[in-house]
């Protein structure tokens, strides 16, 4: 007889974050929520905002901390906490420590892939905001998403 482990998966609340906005109706609103967490970072950091069906933020999660100019981002890790939180949609944000928020080819490629995965599992990626030196770029506004 084999002993196979049983697991329980849990989402643990780590505190709260003060935000000037609750409902995200524009890329500017998403930036306002992400700004404090992403500006002045010395490495690329990826944050997911979890939204309910009315686009109100129900949670945030630090998905990845990378290097000076790259971060490892995989759909499995990106959506794991969103599923547990009961998110209806997500918005991603990440910083460019260089200060230039222009999207890279890699940013575009992973955003398109995450959009496809989100559509498949029913948690759409609404936008991907890139932050740098008090500015931001919305990949939705740029036509990538």
C-alpha atoms as a PDB file:
ATOM      1  CA  UNK A   1       0.000   0.000   0.000  1.00  0.00           C
ATOM      2  CA  UNK A   2       1.383   3.399  -0.986  1.00  0.00           C
ATOM      3  CA  UNK A   3       1.045   6.471   1.207  1.00  0.00           C
ATOM      4  CA  UNK A   4       0.183   9.416  -1.008  1.00  0.00           C
ATOM      5  CA  UNK A   5       0.177  12.826   0.675  1.00  0.00           C
ATOM      6  CA  UNK A   6      -3.010  14.861   0.854  1.00  0.00           C
ATOM      7  CA  UNK A   7      -2.726  18.613   0.515  1.00  0.00           C
ATOM      8  CA  UNK A   8      -4.826  21.592   1.448  1.00  0.00           C
ATOM      9  CA  UNK A   9      -4.311  24.758  -0.558  1.00  0.00           C
ATOM     10  CA  UNK A  10      -4.879  28.058   1.222  1.00  0.00           C
ATOM     11  CA  UNK A  11      -4.658  31.735   0.420  1.00  0.00           C
ATOM     12  CA  UNK A  12      -3.072  33.664   3.294  1.00  0.00           C
ATOM     13  CA  UNK A  13      -3.796  37.350   3.801  1.00  0.00           C
ATOM     14  CA  UNK A  14      -0.568  39.202   4.549  1.00  0.00           C
ATOM     15  CA  UNK A  15      -2.028  42.583   5.423  1.00  0.00           C
ATOM     16  CA  UNK A  16      -3.550  45.489   3.541  1.00  0.00           C
ATOM     17  CA  UNK A  17      -2.367  48.202   1.188  1.00  0.00           C
ATOM     18  CA  UNK A  18      -3.645  51.788   1.263  1.00  0.00           C
ATOM     19  CA  UNK A  19      -4.824  52.802  -2.189  1.00  0.00           C
ATOM     20  CA  UNK A  20      -6.237  56.025  -3.619  1.00  0.00           C
ATOM     21  CA  UNK A  21      -8.605  53.976  -5.812  1.00  0.00           C
ATOM     22  CA  UNK A  22     -10.692  50.834  -5.355  1.00  0.00           C
ATOM     23  CA  UNK A  23     -12.482  50.462  -8.676  1.00  0.00           C
ATOM     24  CA  UNK A  24     -10.204  50.327 -11.719  1.00  0.00           C
ATOM     25  CA  UNK A  25     -11.867  52.057 -14.670  1.00  0.00           C
ATOM     26  CA  UNK A  26      -8.759  53.280 -16.487  1.00  0.00           C
ATOM     27  CA  UNK A  27      -5.033  52.588 -16.843  1.00  0.00           C
ATOM     28  CA  UNK A  28      -4.449  55.705 -14.705  1.00  0.00           C
ATOM     29  CA  UNK A  29      -6.386  54.099 -11.830  1.00  0.00           C
ATOM     30  CA  UNK A  30      -4.293  50.923 -12.127  1.00  0.00           C
ATOM     31  CA  UNK A  31      -1.107  53.000 -12.116  1.00  0.00           C
ATOM     32  CA  UNK A  32      -2.239  54.869  -8.990  1.00  0.00           C
ATOM     33  CA  UNK A  33      -2.734  51.570  -7.184  1.00  0.00           C
ATOM     34  CA  UNK A  34       0.598  50.130  -8.394  1.00  0.00           C
ATOM     35  CA  UNK A  35       2.795  53.231  -8.145  1.00  0.00           C
ATOM     36  CA  UNK A  36       3.842  52.958  -4.481  1.00  0.00           C
ATOM     37  CA  UNK A  37       4.733  49.297  -4.828  1.00  0.00           C
ATOM     38  CA  UNK A  38       6.693  49.565  -8.061  1.00  0.00           C
ATOM     39  CA  UNK A  39       8.500  52.898  -8.180  1.00  0.00           C
ATOM     40  CA  UNK A  40      12.080  53.119  -6.911  1.00  0.00           C
ATOM     41  CA  UNK A  41      12.663  49.357  -7.032  1.00  0.00           C
ATOM     42  CA  UNK A  42      16.161  48.189  -7.906  1.00  0.00           C
ATOM     43  CA  UNK A  43      14.904  45.036  -9.644  1.00  0.00           C
ATOM     44  CA  UNK A  44      11.966  44.197 -11.878  1.00  0.00           C
ATOM     45  CA  UNK A  45       8.957  43.330  -9.746  1.00  0.00           C
ATOM     46  CA  UNK A  46       5.646  42.010 -11.076  1.00  0.00           C
ATOM     47  CA  UNK A  47       2.414  42.701  -9.178  1.00  0.00           C
ATOM     48  CA  UNK A  48      -1.050  41.320  -9.970  1.00  0.00           C
ATOM     49  CA  UNK A  49      -4.201  43.226  -9.052  1.00  0.00           C
ATOM     50  CA  UNK A  50      -7.179  40.910  -8.568  1.00  0.00           C
ATOM     51  CA  UNK A  51     -10.543  42.330  -9.619  1.00  0.00           C
ATOM     52  CA  UNK A  52     -14.132  41.321  -8.984  1.00  0.00           C
ATOM     53  CA  UNK A  53     -16.870  41.436 -11.633  1.00  0.00           C
ATOM     54  CA  UNK A  54     -17.251  45.208 -11.125  1.00  0.00           C
ATOM     55  CA  UNK A  55     -13.499  45.858 -11.560  1.00  0.00           C
ATOM     56  CA  UNK A  56     -13.046  46.620  -7.864  1.00  0.00           C
ATOM     57  CA  UNK A  57      -9.675  45.560  -6.477  1.00  0.00           C
ATOM     58  CA  UNK A  58     -10.131  42.583  -4.154  1.00  0.00           C
ATOM     59  CA  UNK A  59      -6.440  41.866  -3.656  1.00  0.00           C
ATOM     60  CA  UNK A  60      -2.881  42.339  -4.818  1.00  0.00           C
ATOM     61  CA  UNK A  61      -0.076  39.808  -5.081  1.00  0.00           C
ATOM     62  CA  UNK A  62       3.651  40.084  -5.753  1.00  0.00           C
ATOM     63  CA  UNK A  63       4.057  37.498  -8.495  1.00  0.00           C
ATOM     64  CA  UNK A  64       7.762  37.784  -9.216  1.00  0.00           C
ATOM     65  CA  UNK A  65      10.944  39.591  -8.231  1.00  0.00           C
ATOM     66  CA  UNK A  66      13.533  39.493 -10.970  1.00  0.00           C
ATOM     67  CA  UNK A  67      16.864  41.064 -11.790  1.00  0.00           C
ATOM     68  CA  UNK A  68      17.891  44.525 -12.878  1.00  0.00           C
ATOM     69  CA  UNK A  69      16.435  44.078 -16.362  1.00  0.00           C
ATOM     70  CA  UNK A  70      14.344  40.902 -16.370  1.00  0.00           C
ATOM     71  CA  UNK A  71      11.795  38.965 -14.371  1.00  0.00           C
ATOM     72  CA  UNK A  72      10.656  35.384 -14.654  1.00  0.00           C
ATOM     73  CA  UNK A  73       6.939  35.303 -15.288  1.00  0.00           C
ATOM     74  CA  UNK A  74       5.013  32.102 -15.932  1.00  0.00           C
ATOM     75  CA  UNK A  75       1.238  31.747 -16.353  1.00  0.00           C
ATOM     76  CA  UNK A  76       1.041  29.094 -13.629  1.00  0.00           C
ATOM     77  CA  UNK A  77       2.476  31.400 -10.956  1.00  0.00           C
ATOM     78  CA  UNK A  78       0.667  34.433 -12.313  1.00  0.00           C
ATOM     79  CA  UNK A  79      -2.789  32.871 -12.065  1.00  0.00           C
ATOM     80  CA  UNK A  80      -2.374  30.610  -9.010  1.00  0.00           C
ATOM     81  CA  UNK A  81      -3.222  33.251  -6.393  1.00  0.00           C
ATOM     82  CA  UNK A  82      -5.872  34.835  -8.657  1.00  0.00           C
ATOM     83  CA  UNK A  83      -7.733  31.519  -8.756  1.00  0.00           C
ATOM     84  CA  UNK A  84      -7.523  31.109  -4.982  1.00  0.00           C
ATOM     85  CA  UNK A  85      -8.673  34.708  -4.427  1.00  0.00           C
ATOM     86  CA  UNK A  86     -11.724  34.209  -6.640  1.00  0.00           C
ATOM     87  CA  UNK A  87     -10.643  36.929  -9.065  1.00  0.00           C
ATOM     88  CA  UNK A  88     -12.879  37.630 -12.056  1.00  0.00           C
ATOM     89  CA  UNK A  89     -10.025  39.401 -13.890  1.00  0.00           C
ATOM     90  CA  UNK A  90      -6.474  40.616 -13.314  1.00  0.00           C
ATOM     91  CA  UNK A  91      -4.293  43.578 -14.168  1.00  0.00           C
ATOM     92  CA  UNK A  92      -0.535  43.108 -14.129  1.00  0.00           C
ATOM     93  CA  UNK A  93       1.990  45.778 -13.338  1.00  0.00           C
ATOM     94  CA  UNK A  94       5.751  45.700 -13.364  1.00  0.00           C
ATOM     95  CA  UNK A  95       8.567  48.172 -13.070  1.00  0.00           C
ATOM     96  CA  UNK A  96      11.537  48.973 -15.238  1.00  0.00           C
ATOM     97  CA  UNK A  97      14.334  50.011 -12.846  1.00  0.00           C
ATOM     98  CA  UNK A  98      15.980  51.838 -15.768  1.00  0.00           C
ATOM     99  CA  UNK A  99      13.185  54.396 -15.421  1.00  0.00           C
ATOM    100  CA  UNK A 100      11.959  53.982 -18.993  1.00  0.00           C
ATOM    101  CA  UNK A 101       8.483  52.421 -19.075  1.00  0.00           C
ATOM    102  CA  UNK A 102       8.605  51.444 -22.763  1.00  0.00           C
ATOM    103  CA  UNK A 103       7.590  47.852 -23.393  1.00  0.00           C
ATOM    104  CA  UNK A 104      10.149  45.305 -24.578  1.00  0.00           C
ATOM    105  CA  UNK A 105       9.581  42.431 -26.992  1.00  0.00           C
ATOM    106  CA  UNK A 106       9.606  40.123 -23.975  1.00  0.00           C
ATOM    107  CA  UNK A 107       6.953  42.248 -22.217  1.00  0.00           C
ATOM    108  CA  UNK A 108       4.720  41.986 -25.276  1.00  0.00           C
ATOM    109  CA  UNK A 109       5.261  38.246 -25.728  1.00  0.00           C
ATOM    110  CA  UNK A 110       4.478  37.310 -22.117  1.00  0.00           C
ATOM    111  CA  UNK A 111       1.475  39.660 -22.023  1.00  0.00           C
ATOM    112  CA  UNK A 112      -0.025  38.036 -25.121  1.00  0.00           C
ATOM    113  CA  UNK A 113       0.585  34.579 -23.638  1.00  0.00           C
ATOM    114  CA  UNK A 114      -0.956  35.545 -20.298  1.00  0.00           C
ATOM    115  CA  UNK A 115      -3.953  37.029 -22.103  1.00  0.00           C
ATOM    116  CA  UNK A 116      -4.491  33.726 -23.938  1.00  0.00           C
ATOM    117  CA  UNK A 117      -4.204  31.708 -20.719  1.00  0.00           C
ATOM    118  CA  UNK A 118      -6.552  34.081 -18.903  1.00  0.00           C
ATOM    119  CA  UNK A 119      -9.183  33.703 -21.605  1.00  0.00           C
ATOM    120  CA  UNK A 120      -8.835  29.921 -21.408  1.00  0.00           C
ATOM    121  CA  UNK A 121      -9.337  29.748 -17.632  1.00  0.00           C
ATOM    122  CA  UNK A 122     -11.931  32.525 -17.417  1.00  0.00           C
ATOM    123  CA  UNK A 123      -9.797  35.165 -15.674  1.00  0.00           C
ATOM    124  CA  UNK A 124      -9.001  37.715 -18.374  1.00  0.00           C
ATOM    125  CA  UNK A 125      -5.892  39.881 -18.301  1.00  0.00           C
ATOM    126  CA  UNK A 126      -7.395  43.355 -18.648  1.00  0.00           C
ATOM    127  CA  UNK A 127      -4.157  45.352 -18.852  1.00  0.00           C
ATOM    128  CA  UNK A 128      -0.434  45.240 -18.199  1.00  0.00           C
ATOM    129  CA  UNK A 129       0.990  48.467 -16.796  1.00  0.00           C
ATOM    130  CA  UNK A 130       4.731  49.164 -17.002  1.00  0.00           C
ATOM    131  CA  UNK A 131       6.006  51.720 -14.475  1.00  0.00           C
ATOM    132  CA  UNK A 132       9.174  53.817 -14.577  1.00  0.00           C
ATOM    133  CA  UNK A 133      10.212  57.213 -13.158  1.00  0.00           C
ATOM    134  CA  UNK A 134       6.743  58.592 -12.470  1.00  0.00           C
ATOM    135  CA  UNK A 135       5.397  57.476 -15.844  1.00  0.00           C
ATOM    136  CA  UNK A 136       3.565  54.421 -17.082  1.00  0.00           C
ATOM    137  CA  UNK A 137       2.688  52.594 -20.268  1.00  0.00           C
ATOM    138  CA  UNK A 138      -0.551  50.643 -20.686  1.00  0.00           C
ATOM    139  CA  UNK A 139      -0.241  47.681 -23.039  1.00  0.00           C
ATOM    140  CA  UNK A 140      -4.006  47.833 -23.507  1.00  0.00           C
ATOM    141  CA  UNK A 141      -3.787  51.454 -24.684  1.00  0.00           C
ATOM    142  CA  UNK A 142      -0.875  50.500 -26.946  1.00  0.00           C
ATOM    143  CA  UNK A 143      -3.047  47.853 -28.625  1.00  0.00           C
ATOM    144  CA  UNK A 144      -1.044  44.873 -27.372  1.00  0.00           C
ATOM    145  CA  UNK A 145      -3.957  43.507 -25.307  1.00  0.00           C
END
